[in-house]
C-alpha atoms as a PDB file:
ATOM      1  CA  UNK A   1     101.686  96.586 -30.965  1.00  0.00           C
ATOM      2  CA  UNK A   2      98.690  99.208 -31.549  1.00  0.00           C
ATOM      3  CA  UNK A   3      97.193 100.753 -34.789  1.00  0.00           C
ATOM      4  CA  UNK A   4      94.798 103.682 -35.395  1.00  0.00           C
ATOM      5  CA  UNK A   5      91.856 103.202 -37.813  1.00  0.00           C
ATOM      6  CA  UNK A   6      90.500 105.831 -39.609  1.00  0.00           C
ATOM      7  CA  UNK A   7      87.862 105.814 -42.586  1.00  0.00           C
ATOM      8  CA  UNK A   8      85.680 108.625 -44.856  1.00  0.00           C
ATOM      9  CA  UNK A   9      87.631 111.453 -43.603  1.00  0.00           C
ATOM     10  CA  UNK A  10      85.631 113.233 -47.225  1.00  0.00           C
ATOM     11  CA  UNK A  11      87.105 116.558 -46.833  1.00  0.00           C
ATOM     12  CA  UNK A  12      86.458 117.095 -43.375  1.00  0.00           C
ATOM     13  CA  UNK A  13      89.835 118.742 -41.762  1.00  0.00           C
ATOM     14  CA  UNK A  14      88.080 119.709 -38.418  1.00  0.00           C
ATOM     15  CA  UNK A  15      86.991 116.456 -38.300  1.00  0.00           C
ATOM     16  CA  UNK A  16      90.349 114.607 -38.976  1.00  0.00           C
ATOM     17  CA  UNK A  17      92.183 117.530 -36.600  1.00  0.00           C
ATOM     18  CA  UNK A  18      89.989 116.142 -33.468  1.00  0.00           C
ATOM     19  CA  UNK A  19      90.063 112.404 -34.103  1.00  0.00           C
ATOM     20  CA  UNK A  20      94.360 112.865 -34.439  1.00  0.00           C
ATOM     21  CA  UNK A  21      94.428 114.638 -31.239  1.00  0.00           C
ATOM     22  CA  UNK A  22      92.190 112.465 -29.607  1.00  0.00           C
ATOM     23  CA  UNK A  23      93.845 109.264 -30.464  1.00  0.00           C
ATOM     24  CA  UNK A  24      95.781 107.804 -27.971  1.00  0.00           C
ATOM     25  CA  UNK A  25      99.550 106.724 -29.195  1.00  0.00           C
ATOM     26  CA  UNK A  26      99.777 104.280 -31.650  1.00  0.00           C
ATOM     27  CA  UNK A  27     102.609 102.583 -34.267  1.00  0.00           C
ATOM     28  CA  UNK A  28     100.899 103.586 -37.503  1.00  0.00           C
ATOM     29  CA  UNK A  29      96.996 104.873 -38.880  1.00  0.00           C
ATOM     30  CA  UNK A  30      95.498 103.052 -41.828  1.00  0.00           C
ATOM     31  CA  UNK A  31      93.035 104.867 -43.342  1.00  0.00           C
ATOM     32  CA  UNK A  32      89.857 102.605 -45.325  1.00  0.00           C
ATOM     33  CA  UNK A  33      89.379 105.120 -48.403  1.00  0.00           C
ATOM     34  CA  UNK A  34      87.677 108.384 -49.393  1.00  0.00           C
ATOM     35  CA  UNK A  35      89.672 111.244 -48.300  1.00  0.00           C
ATOM     36  CA  UNK A  36      88.014 113.441 -50.116  1.00  0.00           C
ATOM     37  CA  UNK A  37      84.438 114.204 -51.380  1.00  0.00           C
ATOM     38  CA  UNK A  38      81.523 116.127 -49.594  1.00  0.00           C
ATOM     39  CA  UNK A  39      83.062 118.261 -47.491  1.00  0.00           C
ATOM     40  CA  UNK A  40      85.399 121.449 -48.436  1.00  0.00           C
ATOM     41  CA  UNK A  41      88.427 121.237 -46.708  1.00  0.00           C
ATOM     42  CA  UNK A  42      90.627 118.270 -49.746  1.00  0.00           C
ATOM     43  CA  UNK A  43      94.045 120.155 -49.674  1.00  0.00           C
ATOM     44  CA  UNK A  44      94.266 120.149 -46.304  1.00  0.00           C
ATOM     45  CA  UNK A  45      93.460 116.820 -45.327  1.00  0.00           C
ATOM     46  CA  UNK A  46      95.761 115.445 -47.943  1.00  0.00           C
ATOM     47  CA  UNK A  47      98.701 117.267 -46.592  1.00  0.00           C
ATOM     48  CA  UNK A  48      97.834 116.192 -43.454  1.00  0.00           C
ATOM     49  CA  UNK A  49      97.843 112.372 -45.019  1.00  0.00           C
ATOM     50  CA  UNK A  50     101.263 113.263 -45.822  1.00  0.00           C
ATOM     51  CA  UNK A  51     102.330 114.839 -42.418  1.00  0.00           C
ATOM     52  CA  UNK A  52     101.470 112.420 -40.326  1.00  0.00           C
ATOM     53  CA  UNK A  53     102.174 109.482 -42.655  1.00  0.00           C
ATOM     54  CA  UNK A  54      98.403 107.909 -42.918  1.00  0.00           C
ATOM     55  CA  UNK A  55      98.733 104.631 -44.795  1.00  0.00           C
ATOM     56  CA  UNK A  56      95.521 105.273 -46.804  1.00  0.00           C
ATOM     57  CA  UNK A  57      93.637 102.620 -49.398  1.00  0.00           C
ATOM     58  CA  UNK A  58      91.669 104.085 -52.069  1.00  0.00           C
ATOM     59  CA  UNK A  59      87.827 104.690 -51.799  1.00  0.00           C
ATOM     60  CA  UNK A  60      85.494 105.143 -54.213  1.00  0.00           C
ATOM     61  CA  UNK A  61      85.059 108.830 -54.080  1.00  0.00           C
ATOM     62  CA  UNK A  62      88.849 108.919 -54.528  1.00  0.00           C
ATOM     63  CA  UNK A  63      88.741 106.660 -57.809  1.00  0.00           C
ATOM     64  CA  UNK A  64      86.150 108.295 -59.199  1.00  0.00           C
ATOM     65  CA  UNK A  65      87.148 111.880 -58.292  1.00  0.00           C
ATOM     66  CA  UNK A  66      90.428 111.506 -59.783  1.00  0.00           C
ATOM     67  CA  UNK A  67      89.917 109.508 -62.894  1.00  0.00           C
ATOM     68  CA  UNK A  68      86.165 109.608 -64.090  1.00  0.00           C
ATOM     69  CA  UNK A  69      84.214 112.299 -62.307  1.00  0.00           C
ATOM     70  CA  UNK A  70      81.659 111.903 -64.794  1.00  0.00           C
ATOM     71  CA  UNK A  71      80.133 108.765 -63.485  1.00  0.00           C
ATOM     72  CA  UNK A  72      79.903 110.479 -60.024  1.00  0.00           C
ATOM     73  CA  UNK A  73      76.643 109.637 -58.800  1.00  0.00           C
ATOM     74  CA  UNK A  74      76.396 106.176 -60.195  1.00  0.00           C
ATOM     75  CA  UNK A  75      75.840 103.372 -57.658  1.00  0.00           C
ATOM     76  CA  UNK A  76      78.030 106.058 -55.202  1.00  0.00           C
ATOM     77  CA  UNK A  77      74.975 106.192 -52.359  1.00  0.00           C
ATOM     78  CA  UNK A  78      72.190 104.153 -51.902  1.00  0.00           C
ATOM     79  CA  UNK A  79      68.895 106.042 -53.247  1.00  0.00           C
ATOM     80  CA  UNK A  80      66.281 107.576 -51.136  1.00  0.00           C
ATOM     81  CA  UNK A  81      63.507 105.003 -52.070  1.00  0.00           C
ATOM     82  CA  UNK A  82      60.390 106.740 -53.447  1.00  0.00           C
ATOM     83  CA  UNK A  83      61.627 110.180 -52.551  1.00  0.00           C
ATOM     84  CA  UNK A  84      62.435 110.880 -55.859  1.00  0.00           C
ATOM     85  CA  UNK A  85      63.052 115.000 -55.286  1.00  0.00           C
ATOM     86  CA  UNK A  86      66.233 113.958 -53.092  1.00  0.00           C
ATOM     87  CA  UNK A  87      68.785 111.634 -54.359  1.00  0.00           C
ATOM     88  CA  UNK A  88      71.856 111.167 -52.152  1.00  0.00           C
ATOM     89  CA  UNK A  89      73.769 110.160 -55.258  1.00  0.00           C
ATOM     90  CA  UNK A  90      72.863 113.645 -56.650  1.00  0.00           C
ATOM     91  CA  UNK A  91      74.479 115.122 -53.722  1.00  0.00           C
ATOM     92  CA  UNK A  92      77.606 112.640 -54.331  1.00  0.00           C
ATOM     93  CA  UNK A  93      78.072 113.556 -57.657  1.00  0.00           C
ATOM     94  CA  UNK A  94      77.789 117.744 -57.012  1.00  0.00           C
ATOM     95  CA  UNK A  95      80.241 117.586 -54.291  1.00  0.00           C
ATOM     96  CA  UNK A  96      82.268 115.177 -56.319  1.00  0.00           C
ATOM     97  CA  UNK A  97      82.568 117.647 -59.112  1.00  0.00           C
ATOM     98  CA  UNK A  98      83.398 120.393 -56.678  1.00  0.00           C
ATOM     99  CA  UNK A  99      85.964 118.772 -55.253  1.00  0.00           C
ATOM    100  CA  UNK A 100      88.006 117.449 -58.897  1.00  0.00           C
ATOM    101  CA  UNK A 101      87.877 121.223 -59.572  1.00  0.00           C
ATOM    102  CA  UNK A 102      89.802 121.846 -56.570  1.00  0.00           C
ATOM    103  CA  UNK A 103      92.417 119.421 -56.571  1.00  0.00           C
ATOM    104  CA  UNK A 104      95.590 119.941 -58.130  1.00  0.00           C
ATOM    105  CA  UNK A 105      97.186 117.287 -60.724  1.00  0.00           C
ATOM    106  CA  UNK A 106      99.625 116.001 -58.303  1.00  0.00           C
ATOM    107  CA  UNK A 107      96.464 115.153 -55.805  1.00  0.00           C
ATOM    108  CA  UNK A 108      94.710 113.881 -58.679  1.00  0.00           C
ATOM    109  CA  UNK A 109      97.638 111.285 -58.962  1.00  0.00           C
ATOM    110  CA  UNK A 110      98.330 110.514 -55.670  1.00  0.00           C
ATOM    111  CA  UNK A 111      94.317 109.458 -55.176  1.00  0.00           C
ATOM    112  CA  UNK A 112      94.412 108.076 -58.191  1.00  0.00           C
ATOM    113  CA  UNK A 113      97.605 105.501 -57.145  1.00  0.00           C
ATOM    114  CA  UNK A 114      96.495 104.431 -54.061  1.00  0.00           C
ATOM    115  CA  UNK A 115      95.931 100.667 -53.421  1.00  0.00           C
ATOM    116  CA  UNK A 116      92.730  99.360 -53.700  1.00  0.00           C
ATOM    117  CA  UNK A 117      93.085  97.282 -50.529  1.00  0.00           C
ATOM    118  CA  UNK A 118      96.006  96.383 -48.245  1.00  0.00           C
ATOM    119  CA  UNK A 119      97.457  93.367 -46.548  1.00  0.00           C
ATOM    120  CA  UNK A 120      99.595  94.297 -43.639  1.00  0.00           C
ATOM    121  CA  UNK A 121     100.884  93.566 -40.759  1.00  0.00           C
ATOM    122  CA  UNK A 122     102.620  90.046 -42.082  1.00  0.00           C
ATOM    123  CA  UNK A 123      99.503  89.327 -43.365  1.00  0.00           C
ATOM    124  CA  UNK A 124      97.222  89.875 -40.082  1.00  0.00           C
ATOM    125  CA  UNK A 125      95.484  92.764 -41.188  1.00  0.00           C
ATOM    126  CA  UNK A 126      93.127  93.318 -44.736  1.00  0.00           C
ATOM    127  CA  UNK A 127      92.035  96.915 -45.002  1.00  0.00           C
ATOM    128  CA  UNK A 128      89.246  97.165 -47.680  1.00  0.00           C
ATOM    129  CA  UNK A 129      86.945 100.130 -48.268  1.00  0.00           C
ATOM    130  CA  UNK A 130      83.889  98.234 -49.096  1.00  0.00           C
ATOM    131  CA  UNK A 131      83.653  94.402 -49.169  1.00  0.00           C
ATOM    132  CA  UNK A 132      86.597  92.268 -49.800  1.00  0.00           C
ATOM    133  CA  UNK A 133      86.747  92.114 -53.605  1.00  0.00           C
ATOM    134  CA  UNK A 134      84.549  95.045 -53.955  1.00  0.00           C
ATOM    135  CA  UNK A 135      85.838  98.647 -53.456  1.00  0.00           C
ATOM    136  CA  UNK A 136      81.901  99.946 -54.080  1.00  0.00           C
ATOM    137  CA  UNK A 137      80.261  96.956 -52.379  1.00  0.00           C
ATOM    138  CA  UNK A 138      78.591  97.862 -48.633  1.00  0.00           C
ATOM    139  CA  UNK A 139      78.715  95.858 -45.780  1.00  0.00           C
ATOM    140  CA  UNK A 140      76.804  96.795 -42.842  1.00  0.00           C
ATOM    141  CA  UNK A 141      76.767  94.772 -39.237  1.00  0.00           C
ATOM    142  CA  UNK A 142      73.728  92.539 -40.077  1.00  0.00           C
ATOM    143  CA  UNK A 143      76.072  91.050 -43.086  1.00  0.00           C
ATOM    144  CA  UNK A 144      79.364  90.173 -40.915  1.00  0.00           C
ATOM    145  CA  UNK A 145      80.333  86.890 -40.661  1.00  0.00           C
ATOM    146  CA  UNK A 146      83.201  84.714 -41.046  1.00  0.00           C
ATOM    147  CA  UNK A 147      82.768  83.948 -44.630  1.00  0.00           C
ATOM    148  CA  UNK A 148      84.532  87.568 -45.414  1.00  0.00           C
ATOM    149  CA  UNK A 149      87.575  86.419 -44.308  1.00  0.00           C
ATOM    150  CA  UNK A 150      90.457  85.048 -46.156  1.00  0.00           C
ATOM    151  CA  UNK A 151      93.530  84.441 -44.514  1.00  0.00           C
ATOM    152  CA  UNK A 152      93.799  87.536 -42.228  1.00  0.00           C
ATOM    153  CA  UNK A 153      92.777  87.308 -38.748  1.00  0.00           C
ATOM    154  CA  UNK A 154      91.717  91.370 -38.683  1.00  0.00           C
ATOM    155  CA  UNK A 155      89.472  92.606 -41.620  1.00  0.00           C
ATOM    156  CA  UNK A 156      89.107  96.138 -41.597  1.00  0.00           C
ATOM    157  CA  UNK A 157      86.032  97.866 -43.805  1.00  0.00           C
ATOM    158  CA  UNK A 158      84.781 101.572 -44.200  1.00  0.00           C
ATOM    159  CA  UNK A 159      82.102 102.693 -46.913  1.00  0.00           C
ATOM    160  CA  UNK A 160      78.950 102.692 -44.575  1.00  0.00           C
ATOM    161  CA  UNK A 161      79.865 105.726 -42.142  1.00  0.00           C
ATOM    162  CA  UNK A 162      79.052 103.191 -39.708  1.00  0.00           C
ATOM    163  CA  UNK A 163      81.078 102.130 -36.874  1.00  0.00           C
ATOM    164  CA  UNK A 164      80.838  98.770 -35.525  1.00  0.00           C
ATOM    165  CA  UNK A 165      83.345  95.634 -34.815  1.00  0.00           C
ATOM    166  CA  UNK A 166      82.744  91.966 -34.055  1.00  0.00           C
ATOM    167  CA  UNK A 167      84.899  89.156 -32.713  1.00  0.00           C
ATOM    168  CA  UNK A 168      84.300  85.596 -34.690  1.00  0.00           C
ATOM    169  CA  UNK A 169      86.639  83.298 -32.636  1.00  0.00           C
ATOM    170  CA  UNK A 170      89.822  84.607 -32.901  1.00  0.00           C
ATOM    171  CA  UNK A 171      89.092  86.595 -35.775  1.00  0.00           C
ATOM    172  CA  UNK A 172      88.050  90.352 -35.650  1.00  0.00           C
ATOM    173  CA  UNK A 173      85.778  92.746 -38.529  1.00  0.00           C
ATOM    174  CA  UNK A 174      85.750  96.490 -38.011  1.00  0.00           C
ATOM    175  CA  UNK A 175      84.338  99.563 -39.281  1.00  0.00           C
ATOM    176  CA  UNK A 176      86.082 102.367 -37.518  1.00  0.00           C
ATOM    177  CA  UNK A 177      83.333 104.570 -38.691  1.00  0.00           C
ATOM    178  CA  UNK A 178      83.324 107.914 -40.785  1.00  0.00           C
ATOM    179  CA  UNK A 179      85.683 110.674 -39.710  1.00  0.00           C
ATOM    180  CA  UNK A 180      84.331 112.754 -41.686  1.00  0.00           C
ATOM    181  CA  UNK A 181      80.897 112.363 -42.233  1.00  0.00           C
ATOM    182  CA  UNK A 182      78.816 109.732 -40.092  1.00  0.00           C
ATOM    183  CA  UNK A 183      75.965 108.210 -41.023  1.00  0.00           C
ATOM    184  CA  UNK A 184      75.126 105.903 -37.512  1.00  0.00           C
ATOM    185  CA  UNK A 185      72.825 108.825 -35.855  1.00  0.00           C
ATOM    186  CA  UNK A 186      76.156 109.736 -33.696  1.00  0.00           C
ATOM    187  CA  UNK A 187      77.444 113.626 -35.309  1.00  0.00           C
ATOM    188  CA  UNK A 188      80.923 112.767 -33.752  1.00  0.00           C
ATOM    189  CA  UNK A 189      83.782 111.719 -35.435  1.00  0.00           C
ATOM    190  CA  UNK A 190      84.328 108.568 -35.546  1.00  0.00           C
ATOM    191  CA  UNK A 191      87.763 105.982 -35.167  1.00  0.00           C
ATOM    192  CA  UNK A 192      89.316 103.107 -33.385  1.00  0.00           C
ATOM    193  CA  UNK A 193      92.344 101.704 -32.175  1.00  0.00           C
ATOM    194  CA  UNK A 194      93.552  98.163 -32.853  1.00  0.00           C
ATOM    195  CA  UNK A 195      95.629  96.072 -30.646  1.00  0.00           C
ATOM    196  CA  UNK A 196      96.955  93.272 -32.265  1.00  0.00           C
ATOM    197  CA  UNK A 197      97.969  90.816 -29.233  1.00  0.00           C
ATOM    198  CA  UNK A 198      94.973  90.292 -28.418  1.00  0.00           C
ATOM    199  CA  UNK A 199      93.476  91.039 -30.978  1.00  0.00           C
ATOM    200  CA  UNK A 200      90.999  93.488 -30.002  1.00  0.00           C
ATOM    201  CA  UNK A 201      88.975  96.696 -31.134  1.00  0.00           C
ATOM    202  CA  UNK A 202      88.525  99.989 -29.078  1.00  0.00           C
ATOM    203  CA  UNK A 203      85.516 102.199 -30.916  1.00  0.00           C
ATOM    204  CA  UNK A 204      86.103 106.233 -30.287  1.00  0.00           C
ATOM    205  CA  UNK A 205      83.585 109.302 -30.599  1.00  0.00           C
ATOM    206  CA  UNK A 206      85.307 112.543 -30.346  1.00  0.00           C
ATOM    207  CA  UNK A 207      83.202 115.546 -31.207  1.00  0.00           C
ATOM    208  CA  UNK A 208      84.336 118.800 -33.432  1.00  0.00           C
ATOM    209  CA  UNK A 209      83.547 122.189 -34.227  1.00  0.00           C
ATOM    210  CA  UNK A 210      80.723 121.121 -36.786  1.00  0.00           C
ATOM    211  CA  UNK A 211      79.657 124.779 -37.058  1.00  0.00           C
ATOM    212  CA  UNK A 212      83.141 125.691 -38.605  1.00  0.00           C
ATOM    213  CA  UNK A 213      82.676 123.055 -41.309  1.00  0.00           C
ATOM    214  CA  UNK A 214      78.961 124.374 -41.887  1.00  0.00           C
ATOM    215  CA  UNK A 215      79.991 127.851 -42.007  1.00  0.00           C
ATOM    216  CA  UNK A 216      82.840 127.006 -44.914  1.00  0.00           C
ATOM    217  CA  UNK A 217      79.996 124.943 -46.995  1.00  0.00           C
ATOM    218  CA  UNK A 218      78.336 128.065 -46.871  1.00  0.00           C
ATOM    219  CA  UNK A 219      80.916 129.965 -48.532  1.00  0.00           C
ATOM    220  CA  UNK A 220      81.421 128.017 -51.091  1.00  0.00           C
ATOM    221  CA  UNK A 221      79.221 126.320 -53.915  1.00  0.00           C
ATOM    222  CA  UNK A 222      78.827 123.380 -52.202  1.00  0.00           C
ATOM    223  CA  UNK A 223      74.656 121.976 -51.258  1.00  0.00           C
ATOM    224  CA  UNK A 224      73.973 123.509 -47.990  1.00  0.00           C
ATOM    225  CA  UNK A 225      72.867 119.672 -47.060  1.00  0.00           C
ATOM    226  CA  UNK A 226      76.410 118.640 -46.924  1.00  0.00           C
ATOM    227  CA  UNK A 227      76.165 120.545 -43.175  1.00  0.00           C
ATOM    228  CA  UNK A 228      72.506 119.153 -42.770  1.00  0.00           C
ATOM    229  CA  UNK A 229      73.948 115.695 -42.879  1.00  0.00           C
ATOM    230  CA  UNK A 230      76.882 116.639 -40.506  1.00  0.00           C
ATOM    231  CA  UNK A 231      74.554 118.179 -37.879  1.00  0.00           C
ATOM    232  CA  UNK A 232      72.240 115.152 -38.012  1.00  0.00           C
ATOM    233  CA  UNK A 233      74.990 112.410 -38.182  1.00  0.00           C
ATOM    234  CA  UNK A 234      72.977 110.453 -41.201  1.00  0.00           C
ATOM    235  CA  UNK A 235      71.250 111.104 -44.523  1.00  0.00           C
ATOM    236  CA  UNK A 236      68.492 113.704 -44.314  1.00  0.00           C
ATOM    237  CA  UNK A 237      66.302 114.996 -46.612  1.00  0.00           C
ATOM    238  CA  UNK A 238      66.602 118.573 -46.772  1.00  0.00           C
ATOM    239  CA  UNK A 239      63.194 120.324 -45.908  1.00  0.00           C
END
């Protein structure tokens, strides 16, 4: 059995379409949270999730945008050190408020009702957003270790937008990377495929028309910095 892993689509429909087109045949697709926020296509992303029967957990942006948008920008993004003129958390807040204003009541209800985590595939796989038991916690490759596992043999997370997979004996820890806003220096959309029989993960990157997303951003009141991040594939301070 194989399944697809995606995470952090963040309202980027062209990137999501590219990933779904590129993805080989899988039995199901799991999303590690943050379907919305930042990018200008929240409706279409949620429609695609429904149409493609993508199984999603709730990310911190999904939670705050749907239940407490006024808290956006608090502990959502890493700060940028001494640069007081540019705080990524402020961008999270601005785009979160914009997204909140676009969503329907039904879409808000869907996001608010998503589970914080899932244990699936007969207990073999645990899907979280940040860290196990901490939806907002950050987990980078240098933090990986057996101590993160419970009874599951495969632990999957998102949130950092950094694609990585690592084997620990017979256990596998995977971040499929971000579909809609990569932050590992590669602007291509990221995803992963898991083979449960092995178990192994293959990491994939696929180009998508970033310029079309940037144009759409410019047609809205979203900050231009959102497009800058897409073009660079990482957090970049505006000039």
